[in-house]
N, C-alpha and C. Protein backbone atom coordinates (compact mmCIF):
# COMPACT_ATOMS: atom_id res chain seq x y z
N UNK A 1 66.03 161.52 107.24
CA UNK A 1 65.26 162.58 106.76
C UNK A 1 65.40 163.84 108.17
N UNK A 2 65.38 163.19 109.25
CA UNK A 2 65.19 164.32 110.67
C UNK A 2 66.82 164.22 111.18
N UNK A 3 67.41 163.57 110.67
CA UNK A 3 69.13 163.63 111.23
C UNK A 3 69.27 162.28 112.14
N UNK A 4 68.09 161.81 112.85
CA UNK A 4 68.21 160.80 113.76
C UNK A 4 68.86 159.57 113.53
N UNK A 5 69.82 158.77 113.96
CA UNK A 5 70.39 157.55 113.57
C UNK A 5 69.62 156.53 114.38
N UNK A 6 68.47 155.50 113.07
CA UNK A 6 67.82 154.71 113.57
C UNK A 6 68.45 153.51 113.85
N UNK A 7 69.82 153.21 114.24
CA UNK A 7 70.21 152.03 114.04
C UNK A 7 70.28 151.50 115.76
N UNK A 8 70.31 153.17 116.30
CA UNK A 8 70.62 152.88 118.01
C UNK A 8 68.91 152.72 118.64
N UNK A 9 68.08 152.96 117.86
CA UNK A 9 66.76 153.21 118.32
C UNK A 9 66.14 151.80 118.07
N UNK A 10 66.78 151.13 117.06
CA UNK A 10 66.30 149.73 116.97
C UNK A 10 66.90 148.55 117.55
N UNK A 11 68.28 149.21 117.93
CA UNK A 11 68.86 147.99 118.73
C UNK A 11 68.53 148.20 120.23
N UNK A 12 68.32 149.35 120.56
CA UNK A 12 67.35 149.47 122.10
C UNK A 12 65.94 148.68 121.75
N UNK A 13 65.27 148.99 120.86
CA UNK A 13 63.60 148.36 120.84
C UNK A 13 64.13 147.02 121.12
N UNK A 14 64.99 146.41 120.15
CA UNK A 14 65.29 144.96 120.50
C UNK A 14 65.67 144.46 121.43
N UNK A 15 66.65 145.12 122.19
CA UNK A 15 67.06 144.53 123.63
C UNK A 15 65.68 144.90 124.48
N UNK A 16 64.79 145.98 124.55
CA UNK A 16 63.84 145.94 125.54
C UNK A 16 62.78 144.77 125.26
N UNK A 17 62.41 144.61 123.93
CA UNK A 17 61.63 143.25 123.46
C UNK A 17 62.13 141.74 123.94
N UNK A 18 63.58 141.81 124.05
CA UNK A 18 64.51 140.48 124.69
C UNK A 18 63.74 140.72 125.79
N UNK A 19 64.26 141.41 126.80
CA UNK A 19 64.03 141.64 128.20
C UNK A 19 62.84 141.26 128.15
N UNK A 20 61.79 142.48 127.60
CA UNK A 20 59.97 141.78 128.01
C UNK A 20 59.75 140.45 127.59
N UNK A 21 60.42 139.79 126.77
CA UNK A 21 60.09 138.22 126.49
C UNK A 21 60.70 137.35 127.61
N UNK A 22 61.95 137.52 128.05
CA UNK A 22 62.44 136.73 129.10
C UNK A 22 61.55 137.07 130.49
N UNK A 23 61.39 138.05 130.65
CA UNK A 23 60.52 138.26 131.66
C UNK A 23 59.05 137.61 131.71
N UNK A 24 58.45 137.57 130.70
CA UNK A 24 57.32 137.33 130.59
C UNK A 24 57.17 135.40 130.63
N UNK A 25 58.24 134.91 130.78
CA UNK A 25 58.34 133.95 129.88
C UNK A 25 57.56 132.63 131.16
N UNK A 26 57.91 133.10 132.35
CA UNK A 26 57.18 132.50 133.54
C UNK A 26 55.96 132.33 133.40
N UNK A 27 55.61 133.85 133.34
CA UNK A 27 53.95 134.02 133.39
C UNK A 27 53.13 133.45 132.26
N UNK A 28 53.83 133.43 130.56
CA UNK A 28 53.32 132.86 129.61
C UNK A 28 53.52 131.41 129.91
N UNK A 29 54.28 130.44 130.31
CA UNK A 29 54.14 129.39 131.07
C UNK A 29 53.49 129.21 131.73
N UNK A 30 53.01 129.67 132.81
CA UNK A 30 52.00 129.26 134.02
C UNK A 30 50.47 129.51 133.26
N UNK A 31 50.42 130.43 132.27
CA UNK A 31 48.93 130.62 131.65
C UNK A 31 48.72 129.55 130.90
N UNK A 32 49.84 129.05 129.79
CA UNK A 32 49.68 128.03 128.94
C UNK A 32 49.24 126.40 129.75
N UNK A 33 49.95 126.82 130.87
CA UNK A 33 50.05 125.46 131.98
C UNK A 33 48.74 125.29 132.59
N UNK A 34 48.09 126.42 132.77
CA UNK A 34 46.65 127.01 133.20
C UNK A 34 45.40 126.50 132.07
N UNK A 35 45.60 126.75 131.10
CA UNK A 35 44.84 126.24 129.99
C UNK A 35 44.74 124.76 129.98
N UNK A 36 46.05 124.19 129.96
CA UNK A 36 46.32 122.38 129.88
C UNK A 36 45.54 122.05 130.57
N UNK A 37 45.93 122.60 132.02
CA UNK A 37 45.10 122.05 133.52
C UNK A 37 43.61 121.81 133.23
N UNK A 38 42.97 123.27 132.73
CA UNK A 38 41.55 123.12 132.79
C UNK A 38 41.10 122.25 131.58
N UNK A 39 42.05 121.86 130.19
CA UNK A 39 41.35 120.93 129.62
C UNK A 39 41.47 119.57 129.78
N UNK A 40 43.15 119.16 130.54
CA UNK A 40 43.08 117.69 130.70
C UNK A 40 42.92 117.50 132.03
N UNK A 41 42.38 118.28 132.97
CA UNK A 41 41.61 118.13 134.54
C UNK A 41 42.67 116.96 135.01
N UNK A 42 43.94 117.12 135.26
CA UNK A 42 44.64 116.14 136.09
C UNK A 42 44.24 116.54 137.50
N UNK A 43 43.64 117.98 137.65
CA UNK A 43 43.30 118.20 139.20
C UNK A 43 41.89 119.19 138.90
N UNK A 44 41.01 118.78 140.07
CA UNK A 44 39.95 120.11 139.87
C UNK A 44 39.53 120.26 141.46
N UNK A 45 39.16 121.10 141.75
CA UNK A 45 38.44 121.85 142.64
C UNK A 45 37.56 120.62 143.43
N UNK A 46 38.22 120.51 144.73
CA UNK A 46 37.98 119.36 145.90
C UNK A 46 38.78 118.23 145.86
N UNK A 47 39.76 118.24 145.17
CA UNK A 47 40.75 117.37 144.92
C UNK A 47 41.61 117.65 146.51
N UNK A 48 42.29 116.29 146.81
CA UNK A 48 43.04 116.39 148.04
C UNK A 48 44.58 116.07 146.82
N UNK A 49 45.45 116.87 147.01
CA UNK A 49 46.79 116.77 146.42
C UNK A 49 47.79 117.26 147.08
N UNK A 50 49.10 116.50 146.56
CA UNK A 50 50.61 116.66 147.50
C UNK A 50 51.08 117.54 146.31
N UNK A 51 51.71 118.40 146.01
CA UNK A 51 52.71 119.31 145.27
C UNK A 51 53.53 120.05 146.24
N UNK A 52 54.78 120.11 145.88
CA UNK A 52 55.86 120.93 146.30
C UNK A 52 55.84 120.73 147.87
N UNK A 53 55.80 119.24 148.34
CA UNK A 53 55.68 118.99 150.10
C UNK A 53 54.41 119.70 150.87
N UNK A 54 53.69 120.26 149.62
CA UNK A 54 52.45 120.91 150.54
C UNK A 54 50.93 120.06 150.11
N UNK A 55 50.33 119.55 151.28
CA UNK A 55 49.09 118.73 151.01
C UNK A 55 47.98 119.50 151.54
N UNK A 56 47.18 119.20 150.75
CA UNK A 56 45.65 120.01 150.69
C UNK A 56 44.68 119.93 149.66
N UNK A 57 43.48 120.65 149.85
CA UNK A 57 42.27 120.62 149.07
C UNK A 57 42.43 121.67 147.96
N UNK A 58 42.14 121.58 146.52
CA UNK A 58 42.19 122.33 145.59
C UNK A 58 40.99 123.10 146.01
N UNK A 59 41.28 124.54 146.16
CA UNK A 59 40.06 125.18 146.52
C UNK A 59 39.62 126.42 144.94
N UNK A 60 40.59 126.57 143.92
CA UNK A 60 40.50 127.50 143.23
C UNK A 60 41.40 126.80 142.37
N UNK A 61 41.23 127.04 140.89
CA UNK A 61 42.30 126.78 139.73
C UNK A 61 41.62 128.07 138.83
N UNK A 62 43.07 128.83 138.84
CA UNK A 62 42.75 129.92 137.92
C UNK A 62 43.67 129.51 136.81
N UNK A 63 43.85 130.86 135.87
CA UNK A 63 44.54 130.56 134.47
C UNK A 63 46.24 130.58 134.94
N UNK A 64 46.49 131.10 135.68
CA UNK A 64 48.15 131.39 136.12
C UNK A 64 48.51 130.53 137.24
N UNK A 65 47.52 130.52 138.15
CA UNK A 65 48.09 129.92 139.69
C UNK A 65 46.69 129.16 140.12
N UNK A 66 46.88 128.25 140.96
CA UNK A 66 45.74 127.51 141.47
C UNK A 66 46.13 127.68 143.37
N UNK A 67 44.87 127.37 143.90
CA UNK A 67 44.96 127.72 145.59
C UNK A 67 45.03 126.09 146.33
N UNK A 68 45.65 125.92 147.00
CA UNK A 68 45.63 124.42 147.90
C UNK A 68 45.53 125.23 149.28
N UNK A 69 44.41 124.61 149.97
CA UNK A 69 44.28 124.76 151.27
C UNK A 69 44.63 123.83 152.29
N UNK A 70 45.82 124.12 152.95
CA UNK A 70 46.23 123.08 153.76
C UNK A 70 45.46 122.70 155.04
N UNK A 71 45.73 121.28 155.60
CA UNK A 71 44.92 121.07 156.67
C UNK A 71 44.86 122.21 157.91
N UNK A 72 46.14 123.20 158.06
CA UNK A 72 46.14 123.92 159.06
C UNK A 72 45.71 125.21 158.92
N UNK A 73 45.12 125.22 157.86
CA UNK A 73 44.16 126.55 157.20
C UNK A 73 44.87 127.47 156.48
N UNK A 74 46.09 127.16 156.06
CA UNK A 74 46.90 128.40 155.11
C UNK A 74 46.08 127.78 153.98
N UNK A 75 46.44 128.98 153.14
CA UNK A 75 46.51 128.47 151.53
C UNK A 75 47.55 129.07 150.88
N UNK A 76 48.01 127.82 150.29
CA UNK A 76 49.04 128.01 149.19
C UNK A 76 48.92 128.29 147.78
N UNK A 77 49.27 129.30 147.36
CA UNK A 77 49.27 129.60 145.89
C UNK A 77 50.21 128.95 145.18
N UNK A 78 49.62 127.93 144.22
CA UNK A 78 50.71 127.13 143.48
C UNK A 78 50.79 127.51 141.72
N UNK A 79 51.93 127.82 141.21
CA UNK A 79 51.86 128.00 140.10
C UNK A 79 51.32 127.00 138.95
N UNK A 80 50.41 127.24 138.02
CA UNK A 80 50.01 126.07 137.45
C UNK A 80 51.49 125.33 136.44
N UNK A 81 52.08 125.88 136.15
CA UNK A 81 53.54 125.40 136.00
C UNK A 81 53.98 124.06 136.61
N UNK A 82 53.91 124.08 137.90
CA UNK A 82 54.18 123.42 138.89
C UNK A 82 53.13 121.87 138.53
N UNK A 83 52.09 121.91 138.25
CA UNK A 83 51.26 120.42 137.97
C UNK A 83 51.56 119.81 136.67
N UNK A 84 52.01 120.54 135.71
CA UNK A 84 52.54 120.08 134.62
C UNK A 84 53.91 119.48 134.93
N UNK A 85 54.67 120.31 135.36
CA UNK A 85 56.29 120.09 135.03
C UNK A 85 56.85 119.03 136.33
N UNK A 86 56.10 119.49 136.99
CA UNK A 86 56.79 118.69 138.56
C UNK A 86 55.55 117.34 138.83
N UNK A 87 55.98 116.48 139.86
CA UNK A 87 55.43 115.56 140.47
C UNK A 87 54.12 116.02 141.29
N UNK A 88 52.99 115.58 140.85
CA UNK A 88 51.88 115.88 141.68
C UNK A 88 51.14 114.45 142.35
N UNK A 89 50.87 114.43 143.47
CA UNK A 89 50.33 113.19 144.13
C UNK A 89 48.75 113.59 144.16
N UNK A 90 48.06 113.01 143.44
CA UNK A 90 46.42 113.25 143.83
C UNK A 90 45.66 112.51 144.60
N UNK A 91 45.67 112.53 145.85
CA UNK A 91 44.85 111.46 146.43
C UNK A 91 43.46 110.87 146.03
N UNK A 92 42.95 111.69 145.64
CA UNK A 92 41.68 111.90 145.37
C UNK A 92 41.00 111.49 143.68
N UNK A 93 42.05 111.33 143.10
CA UNK A 93 41.80 111.48 141.74
C UNK A 93 40.79 110.60 141.11
N UNK A 94 41.02 109.14 141.54
CA UNK A 94 39.89 108.04 140.80
C UNK A 94 38.88 107.95 142.03
N UNK A 95 39.12 108.29 143.32
CA UNK A 95 37.74 107.58 144.00
C UNK A 95 38.48 108.27 145.46
N UNK A 96 37.55 108.62 146.42
CA UNK A 96 37.78 109.14 147.60
C UNK A 96 38.50 108.62 148.65
N UNK A 97 38.78 106.94 148.62
CA UNK A 97 39.24 106.17 149.47
C UNK A 97 40.75 106.69 149.79
N UNK A 98 41.25 106.41 150.66
CA UNK A 98 42.49 106.45 151.40
C UNK A 98 42.93 105.45 152.39
N UNK A 99 44.10 104.87 152.21
CA UNK A 99 44.63 103.86 152.99
C UNK A 99 45.05 104.63 154.29
N UNK A 100 44.67 104.02 155.53
CA UNK A 100 45.31 104.33 156.97
C UNK A 100 45.96 103.38 157.48
N UNK A 101 47.02 103.46 157.95
CA UNK A 101 47.91 102.56 158.36
C UNK A 101 48.35 103.09 160.25
N UNK A 102 48.70 101.76 160.72
CA UNK A 102 48.73 101.82 162.05
C UNK A 102 49.66 100.50 162.19
N UNK A 103 51.10 101.25 163.05
CA UNK A 103 51.93 100.09 163.16
C UNK A 103 51.47 99.68 164.95
N UNK A 104 51.77 98.63 165.27
CA UNK A 104 51.49 97.85 166.59
C UNK A 104 52.28 97.20 166.66
N UNK A 105 53.48 97.45 167.70
CA UNK A 105 54.14 96.30 168.81
C UNK A 105 53.67 95.22 169.96
N UNK A 106 53.65 94.37 169.49
CA UNK A 106 53.24 93.41 170.65
C UNK A 106 54.24 92.90 171.28
N UNK A 107 54.19 92.28 172.72
CA UNK A 107 55.45 91.63 173.45
C UNK A 107 55.28 90.17 172.69
N UNK A 108 56.82 89.59 172.27
CA UNK A 108 56.72 88.53 171.99
C UNK A 108 56.91 87.33 173.26
N UNK A 109 55.47 86.51 172.59
CA UNK A 109 55.03 85.34 173.31
C UNK A 109 53.95 85.22 172.98
N UNK A 110 53.36 86.41 172.40
CA UNK A 110 51.88 86.59 172.02
C UNK A 110 51.42 85.75 170.72
N UNK A 111 50.34 84.93 170.73
CA UNK A 111 50.47 83.95 169.08
C UNK A 111 50.29 85.23 168.16
N UNK A 112 50.85 85.06 167.35
CA UNK A 112 50.48 86.07 166.16
C UNK A 112 49.36 86.22 165.32
N UNK A 113 49.10 84.77 165.20
CA UNK A 113 47.85 84.68 164.42
C UNK A 113 47.10 84.98 165.17
N UNK A 114 46.58 84.98 166.27
CA UNK A 114 45.74 85.52 167.58
C UNK A 114 45.75 86.98 167.16
N UNK A 115 47.08 88.01 167.27
CA UNK A 115 47.02 89.07 167.23
C UNK A 115 46.48 89.66 165.76
N UNK A 116 47.16 89.05 164.78
CA UNK A 116 46.11 89.29 163.34
C UNK A 116 44.77 88.98 163.39
N UNK A 117 44.34 87.77 163.82
CA UNK A 117 42.74 87.91 163.54
C UNK A 117 41.84 89.26 164.74
N UNK A 118 42.63 89.71 165.73
CA UNK A 118 42.25 90.44 166.60
C UNK A 118 42.24 91.89 165.80
N UNK A 119 43.13 92.41 165.58
CA UNK A 119 43.37 93.32 164.46
C UNK A 119 42.39 93.74 163.58
N UNK A 120 42.18 92.71 162.74
CA UNK A 120 41.57 92.84 161.56
C UNK A 120 40.12 92.96 162.23
N UNK A 121 39.64 92.03 163.32
CA UNK A 121 38.19 92.29 163.54
C UNK A 121 37.85 93.40 163.80
N UNK A 122 38.85 94.35 164.76
CA UNK A 122 38.86 95.22 165.60
C UNK A 122 38.97 96.65 164.50
N UNK A 123 39.41 96.23 163.52
CA UNK A 123 39.65 97.67 162.37
C UNK A 123 38.53 97.42 161.34
N UNK A 124 38.00 96.45 161.40
CA UNK A 124 36.83 96.14 160.56
C UNK A 124 35.23 96.48 161.01
N UNK A 125 35.09 96.47 162.19
CA UNK A 125 34.30 97.02 163.04
C UNK A 125 34.26 98.51 163.28
N UNK A 126 35.50 99.16 162.89
CA UNK A 126 35.39 100.47 163.13
C UNK A 126 34.73 101.26 162.26
N UNK A 127 33.56 102.05 162.61
CA UNK A 127 32.80 102.82 162.11
C UNK A 127 33.41 103.59 160.50
N UNK A 128 34.22 104.48 160.64
CA UNK A 128 34.88 104.97 159.74
C UNK A 128 35.59 104.14 158.65
N UNK A 129 36.18 102.84 158.67
CA UNK A 129 36.26 102.01 157.89
C UNK A 129 35.63 101.27 156.99
N UNK A 130 35.93 101.19 155.43
CA UNK A 130 35.12 100.96 154.50
C UNK A 130 35.42 99.25 154.57
N UNK A 131 33.88 98.66 154.05
CA UNK A 131 33.93 97.04 154.14
C UNK A 131 34.96 96.67 152.98
N UNK A 132 35.16 97.20 151.66
CA UNK A 132 35.74 96.96 150.72
C UNK A 132 37.05 98.39 150.43
N UNK A 133 37.97 98.07 150.47
CA UNK A 133 38.73 96.61 150.47
C UNK A 133 38.81 96.47 151.88
N UNK A 134 38.77 95.03 152.52
CA UNK A 134 38.93 94.67 154.17
C UNK A 134 40.22 95.21 154.66
N UNK A 135 39.86 95.19 155.67
CA UNK A 135 41.57 95.57 156.44
C UNK A 135 42.40 94.41 156.35
N UNK A 136 43.48 94.70 156.37
CA UNK A 136 44.39 93.36 156.14
C UNK A 136 45.66 93.90 157.33
N UNK A 137 46.38 93.02 158.10
CA UNK A 137 47.26 93.05 158.80
C UNK A 137 48.32 92.32 158.41
N UNK A 138 49.59 92.81 158.65
CA UNK A 138 50.85 92.20 157.99
C UNK A 138 51.89 92.03 159.23
N UNK A 139 52.58 90.61 159.56
CA UNK A 139 53.81 90.95 160.65
C UNK A 139 54.64 91.79 159.79
N UNK A 140 55.43 92.89 160.15
CA UNK A 140 56.70 93.38 159.46
C UNK A 140 57.78 93.43 160.20
N UNK A 141 57.88 93.00 161.72
CA UNK A 141 59.23 92.81 161.89
C UNK A 141 59.24 91.92 163.35
N UNK A 142 60.64 91.01 163.56
CA UNK A 142 60.42 90.43 164.69
C UNK A 142 61.62 90.70 165.32
N UNK A 143 61.74 91.33 166.96
CA UNK A 143 62.81 91.37 167.18
C UNK A 143 62.75 90.73 168.84
N UNK A 144 64.15 90.51 169.75
CA UNK A 144 64.23 90.11 170.56
C UNK A 144 62.69 89.65 171.75
N UNK A 145 62.12 90.92 171.86
CA UNK A 145 61.41 91.08 172.79
C UNK A 145 59.65 91.53 171.96
N UNK A 146 59.54 91.69 170.72
CA UNK A 146 58.54 92.18 170.03
C UNK A 146 58.22 91.71 168.98
N UNK A 147 57.16 92.03 168.22
CA UNK A 147 56.71 91.72 167.06
C UNK A 147 55.53 92.87 166.76
N UNK A 148 56.11 93.36 165.29
CA UNK A 148 55.70 94.27 164.99
C UNK A 148 54.50 94.25 164.02
N UNK A 149 53.34 94.74 163.80
CA UNK A 149 52.28 94.45 163.07
C UNK A 149 51.88 95.68 162.41
N UNK A 150 51.67 95.58 161.13
CA UNK A 150 51.16 96.94 160.21
C UNK A 150 49.71 96.66 159.79
N UNK A 151 48.88 97.30 160.40
CA UNK A 151 47.37 97.30 160.20
C UNK A 151 46.73 98.49 158.94
N UNK A 152 46.37 97.68 157.88
CA UNK A 152 45.70 98.85 156.64
C UNK A 152 44.58 98.71 156.54
N UNK A 153 43.76 99.91 156.77
CA UNK A 153 42.43 99.83 156.61
C UNK A 153 42.34 101.22 155.59
N UNK A 154 41.12 101.01 155.06
CA UNK A 154 40.63 101.96 154.09
C UNK A 154 39.44 103.22 154.68
N UNK A 155 39.43 104.15 154.01
CA UNK A 155 38.39 105.07 154.51
C UNK A 155 38.21 105.78 153.46
N UNK A 156 36.75 106.25 153.39
CA UNK A 156 36.47 107.07 152.10
C UNK A 156 35.91 108.48 152.76
N UNK A 157 36.63 108.81 154.14
CA UNK A 157 36.45 110.08 154.48
C UNK A 157 38.02 110.90 154.51
N UNK A 158 38.55 111.06 153.39
CA UNK A 158 39.71 111.35 153.44
C UNK A 158 39.81 112.85 154.09
N UNK A 159 39.04 113.44 153.82
CA UNK A 159 39.08 114.89 154.81
C UNK A 159 39.64 114.39 156.50
N UNK A 160 39.72 113.30 156.80
CA UNK A 160 39.69 113.50 158.54
C UNK A 160 40.52 112.10 158.65
N UNK A 161 41.09 111.76 157.58
CA UNK A 161 41.51 109.92 157.72
C UNK A 161 42.60 110.32 158.76
N UNK A 162 43.13 111.54 159.25
CA UNK A 162 44.25 111.60 160.31
C UNK A 162 43.50 111.40 161.61
N UNK A 163 42.26 111.90 161.89
CA UNK A 163 41.58 111.60 163.14
C UNK A 163 40.99 110.01 163.05
N UNK A 164 40.99 109.52 161.82
CA UNK A 164 40.47 108.09 161.87
C UNK A 164 41.56 107.14 162.09
N UNK A 165 42.96 107.85 162.07
CA UNK A 165 43.89 106.97 162.25
C UNK A 165 44.38 106.94 163.77
N UNK A 166 44.25 107.74 164.27
CA UNK A 166 43.86 108.31 165.83
C UNK A 166 43.10 107.43 166.55
N UNK A 167 41.58 107.43 165.88
CA UNK A 167 40.66 106.94 166.61
C UNK A 167 40.84 105.32 166.31
N UNK A 168 41.21 104.61 165.58
CA UNK A 168 41.27 103.46 165.15
C UNK A 168 42.65 102.85 165.91
N UNK A 169 43.80 103.45 166.25
CA UNK A 169 45.07 103.27 167.01
C UNK A 169 44.33 102.99 168.63
N UNK A 170 43.57 103.98 168.82
CA UNK A 170 42.83 103.70 170.24
C UNK A 170 42.15 102.34 170.38
N UNK A 171 41.17 102.43 169.50
CA UNK A 171 40.47 101.04 169.61
C UNK A 171 41.35 100.01 169.19
N UNK A 172 42.41 99.73 168.84
CA UNK A 172 43.10 98.63 168.70
C UNK A 172 44.11 98.64 169.82
N UNK A 173 44.31 99.37 170.41
CA UNK A 173 45.05 99.63 172.02
C UNK A 173 44.10 99.11 172.56
N UNK A 174 43.06 99.30 173.14
CA UNK A 174 41.71 98.95 173.70
C UNK A 174 41.52 97.33 173.35
N UNK A 175 41.60 97.24 172.28
CA UNK A 175 41.05 95.61 172.03
C UNK A 175 42.16 94.35 172.56
N UNK A 176 43.62 94.91 172.32
CA UNK A 176 44.53 94.37 173.09
C UNK A 176 44.58 94.22 174.51
N UNK A 177 44.09 95.46 175.11
CA UNK A 177 44.24 95.48 176.31
C UNK A 177 43.20 94.22 177.02
N UNK A 178 41.77 94.24 176.49
CA UNK A 178 40.88 93.62 176.67
C UNK A 178 41.21 92.28 176.28
N UNK A 179 41.81 91.95 175.60
CA UNK A 179 42.55 90.30 175.64
C UNK A 179 43.66 89.99 175.87
N UNK A 180 44.10 90.96 176.95
CA UNK A 180 45.11 91.11 177.79
C UNK A 180 46.64 90.65 176.98
N UNK A 181 47.05 91.25 175.58
CA UNK A 181 47.64 91.22 174.83
C UNK A 181 48.58 92.22 175.37
N UNK A 182 49.96 92.35 175.40
CA UNK A 182 50.87 93.50 176.01
C UNK A 182 51.21 94.06 174.94
N UNK A 183 51.27 95.45 174.64
CA UNK A 183 51.99 96.01 173.67
C UNK A 183 53.30 96.66 174.10
N UNK A 184 54.47 96.33 173.19
CA UNK A 184 55.65 96.66 173.56
C UNK A 184 56.22 98.31 173.22
């Protein structure tokens, strides 16, 4: 009636709608994944997780993205789509315990059974190590001049497991030195 060709307007409107739809695809995906996360609860505030190479504690779960606070104090904003479509390691999903492992190289010639018992006893006596499961010690390697032992202990202090690993390493070193067992 006005003499305007509506075919061009319809084509432009269609192209604009497709462009907006493609542009919002990621936002809508993250929104839907946020809703799934809120109902399914694969992670919750306070969990220690690893996603996309970042390890930290979940400090906030939003509709579009969540915030992970790393050990160095930085905060990483992770789109919720990463939790649904990617691999996520939740260190505290079912319980707060975490394994702490320390490798110990002892000079060859020492009685391996004596070393195993000493390492187990020392780890079990450490205040940050849980009683259950009890610490385990494994021989992992023999070489010409050394035997490598792996000490595995558990802690429920997941937030400072790195400090516990350091403290446990020092305690193991002191126990070996006290019993005059040389480390390699």
